[in-house]
Amino acid sequence: MITKYYRTKILPVIFVTILLLIGIAGCVVPEGSQVGDKAPDFTLSTLDGGQVTLSGLKGKPVMLVFWTTGCSACIAQMPFLKAAHDELGNNVEFININLGESSSQVQATVSYYGFSLPVALDSDYSVSESYNIIYTPTNILIDKNGVITYIRKGSFLNADELLERLGDLE
């Protein structure tokens, strides 16, 4: 009698409890991926054959844009990024981080749309994982001290909105 009760009542409760605990542990937001955190450092290859290191840009505000070529919102945001870059010049560094796509695929998209801002390649998703990126585009603003000041999941709706947000960094 006790064995049947144990199998039908207690074991399912224990099983569900273990699953919930595993799920909760898996939902922990990584350090360095929230507003107020120090931005995780990285070095990535760029589409033009160079490299970019975040810590090498310390002392300057940085905008990270995580994107993919198949993301229509990412593509729609490109002209706003260009307009903001043209307006701000070298006062803010823009790094557009492509997630996991081949350099030829990224180059074809960049060429097709005439996108001229720097593009870095996160081929193995290591940088996107350290920033807990689950949605594209995700825009992250980092102040000159290397602290994340703003995270936007989704595209900016126009260049003015983007410029207003970037103005807070200067």
Protein backbone atom coordinates (compact mmCIF):
# COMPACT_ATOMS: atom_id res chain seq x y z
CA MET A 1 0.00 0.00 0.00
CA ILE A 2 2.77 2.44 0.91
CA THR A 3 4.70 1.53 -2.24
CA LYS A 4 1.70 2.28 -4.49
CA TYR A 5 1.09 5.59 -2.70
CA TYR A 6 4.77 6.49 -3.03
CA ARG A 7 4.78 5.72 -6.78
CA THR A 8 1.54 7.52 -7.61
CA LYS A 9 1.69 10.53 -5.29
CA ILE A 10 5.18 11.27 -4.01
CA LEU A 11 7.37 10.47 -7.03
CA PRO A 12 5.46 12.80 -9.40
CA VAL A 13 5.72 15.64 -6.87
CA ILE A 14 9.45 15.08 -6.49
CA PHE A 15 9.88 14.90 -10.27
CA VAL A 16 7.96 18.15 -10.88
CA THR A 17 9.89 19.90 -8.09
CA ILE A 18 13.21 18.89 -9.62
CA LEU A 19 12.10 20.12 -13.06
CA LEU A 20 11.02 23.46 -11.59
CA LEU A 21 14.32 23.90 -9.79
CA ILE A 22 16.26 23.12 -12.97
CA GLY A 23 14.09 25.61 -14.89
CA ILE A 24 14.60 28.35 -12.29
CA ALA A 25 18.37 27.79 -12.29
CA GLY A 26 18.38 28.04 -16.08
CA CYS A 27 16.62 31.42 -15.96
CA VAL A 28 19.39 33.22 -14.13
CA VAL A 29 20.39 36.31 -16.10
CA PRO A 30 24.16 36.31 -16.72
CA GLU A 31 26.22 38.95 -14.97
CA GLY A 32 27.17 41.71 -17.38
CA SER A 33 23.94 41.65 -19.34
CA GLN A 34 21.81 44.15 -17.42
CA VAL A 35 21.70 47.92 -17.15
CA GLY A 36 24.25 49.03 -14.57
CA ASP A 37 26.56 46.05 -15.17
CA LYS A 38 30.06 46.37 -16.54
CA ALA A 39 29.89 45.33 -20.20
CA PRO A 40 31.61 41.99 -20.85
CA ASP A 41 34.78 42.47 -22.86
CA PHE A 42 35.25 40.72 -26.18
CA THR A 43 37.42 40.58 -29.26
CA LEU A 44 35.77 39.77 -32.58
CA SER A 45 36.87 39.61 -36.18
CA THR A 46 35.37 42.27 -38.39
CA LEU A 47 33.92 41.89 -41.84
CA ASP A 48 36.78 43.93 -43.33
CA GLY A 49 39.39 41.47 -41.96
CA GLY A 50 40.38 43.36 -38.82
CA GLN A 51 39.48 42.92 -35.19
CA VAL A 52 37.59 44.94 -32.61
CA THR A 53 38.05 44.72 -28.85
CA LEU A 54 35.52 46.40 -26.60
CA SER A 55 38.06 47.32 -23.91
CA GLY A 56 40.10 49.06 -26.61
CA LEU A 57 37.23 51.55 -26.96
CA LYS A 58 37.11 52.49 -23.27
CA GLY A 59 36.83 56.22 -22.81
CA LYS A 60 34.24 56.43 -25.59
CA PRO A 61 30.53 55.59 -25.58
CA VAL A 62 29.74 52.45 -27.58
CA MET A 63 26.58 51.19 -29.22
CA LEU A 64 26.41 47.45 -29.78
CA VAL A 65 23.82 46.24 -32.26
CA PHE A 66 23.20 42.49 -32.32
CA TRP A 67 21.59 41.47 -35.62
CA THR A 68 21.14 38.84 -38.33
CA THR A 69 20.68 39.15 -42.08
CA GLY A 70 17.24 37.53 -42.03
CA CYS A 71 15.86 39.96 -39.44
CA SER A 72 13.69 42.55 -41.20
CA ALA A 73 13.67 44.85 -38.14
CA CYS A 74 17.48 44.73 -38.13
CA ILE A 75 17.60 45.75 -41.78
CA ALA A 76 14.98 48.47 -41.26
CA GLN A 77 17.09 49.96 -38.46
CA MET A 78 20.27 50.23 -40.57
CA PRO A 79 19.50 53.68 -42.05
CA PHE A 80 18.85 55.04 -38.54
CA LEU A 81 22.22 53.76 -37.38
CA LYS A 82 23.92 55.37 -40.37
CA ALA A 83 22.12 58.68 -39.75
CA ALA A 84 23.09 58.65 -36.08
CA HIS A 85 26.70 57.85 -36.96
CA ASP A 86 26.77 60.68 -39.53
CA GLU A 87 25.34 63.09 -36.95
CA LEU A 88 27.63 62.10 -34.07
CA GLY A 89 30.79 61.38 -36.01
CA ASN A 90 33.40 59.66 -33.89
CA ASN A 91 31.83 60.69 -30.57
CA VAL A 92 30.13 57.27 -30.32
CA GLU A 93 31.54 53.96 -31.58
CA PHE A 94 29.06 51.70 -33.39
CA ILE A 95 29.72 47.95 -33.48
CA ASN A 96 27.19 45.90 -35.39
CA ILE A 97 27.57 42.31 -34.25
CA ASN A 98 26.23 39.67 -36.59
CA LEU A 99 25.14 36.45 -34.94
CA GLY A 100 26.49 33.21 -36.33
CA GLU A 101 26.29 33.81 -40.06
CA SER A 102 29.03 33.30 -42.64
CA SER A 103 31.11 36.30 -43.63
CA SER A 104 30.01 35.87 -47.26
CA GLN A 105 26.33 35.97 -46.30
CA VAL A 106 26.88 39.04 -44.12
CA GLN A 107 28.97 40.75 -46.82
CA ALA A 108 26.27 40.14 -49.42
CA THR A 109 23.63 41.74 -47.18
CA VAL A 110 25.85 44.67 -46.21
CA SER A 111 26.69 45.31 -49.88
CA TYR A 112 23.09 44.97 -51.03
CA TYR A 113 21.84 47.55 -48.52
CA GLY A 114 24.91 49.78 -48.75
CA PHE A 115 25.52 49.52 -45.02
CA SER A 116 28.85 51.15 -44.22
CA LEU A 117 29.20 50.90 -40.44
CA PRO A 118 31.65 48.42 -38.87
CA VAL A 119 30.38 44.84 -38.68
CA ALA A 120 31.84 42.26 -36.30
CA LEU A 121 31.20 38.53 -36.62
CA ASP A 122 30.09 36.54 -33.58
CA SER A 123 30.53 33.22 -35.39
CA ASP A 124 30.31 31.02 -32.31
CA TYR A 125 27.70 33.10 -30.42
CA SER A 126 30.11 33.60 -27.51
CA VAL A 127 29.57 37.36 -27.31
CA SER A 128 25.81 37.16 -27.74
CA GLU A 129 25.71 34.55 -24.96
CA SER A 130 27.72 36.77 -22.61
CA TYR A 131 25.22 39.57 -23.23
CA ASN A 132 22.23 37.19 -22.98
CA ILE A 133 20.96 38.07 -26.45
CA ILE A 134 17.78 36.18 -27.33
CA TYR A 135 16.17 38.66 -29.71
CA THR A 136 17.37 40.60 -32.74
CA PRO A 137 17.93 43.38 -33.03
CA THR A 138 19.12 44.07 -29.52
CA ASN A 139 20.76 47.46 -29.05
CA ILE A 140 23.03 48.00 -26.06
CA LEU A 141 24.48 51.37 -25.08
CA ILE A 142 27.68 51.40 -23.05
CA ASP A 143 29.03 54.57 -21.47
CA LYS A 144 32.64 55.72 -21.67
CA ASN A 145 33.40 53.84 -18.43
CA GLY A 146 32.29 50.51 -19.87
CA VAL A 147 28.94 50.32 -18.04
CA ILE A 148 25.74 49.25 -19.77
CA THR A 149 23.32 52.18 -19.61
CA TYR A 150 20.50 51.04 -21.90
CA ILE A 151 19.21 47.87 -23.54
CA ARG A 152 16.58 47.90 -26.25
CA LYS A 153 15.16 44.66 -27.56
CA GLY A 154 13.79 45.57 -30.94
CA SER A 155 14.65 48.24 -33.45
CA PHE A 156 14.58 51.97 -33.03
CA LEU A 157 11.64 53.46 -34.90
CA ASN A 158 13.52 56.40 -36.39
CA ALA A 159 16.85 58.20 -36.30
CA ASP A 160 15.60 60.92 -33.93
CA GLU A 161 14.66 58.36 -31.29
CA LEU A 162 18.10 56.78 -31.59
CA LEU A 163 19.90 60.13 -31.47
CA GLU A 164 17.96 61.14 -28.37
CA ARG A 165 19.04 57.95 -26.60
CA LEU A 166 22.65 58.34 -27.75
CA GLY A 167 22.65 61.96 -26.55
CA ASP A 168 22.27 60.65 -23.01
CA LEU A 169 25.69 58.99 -23.32
CA GLU A 170 27.70 62.08 -24.15
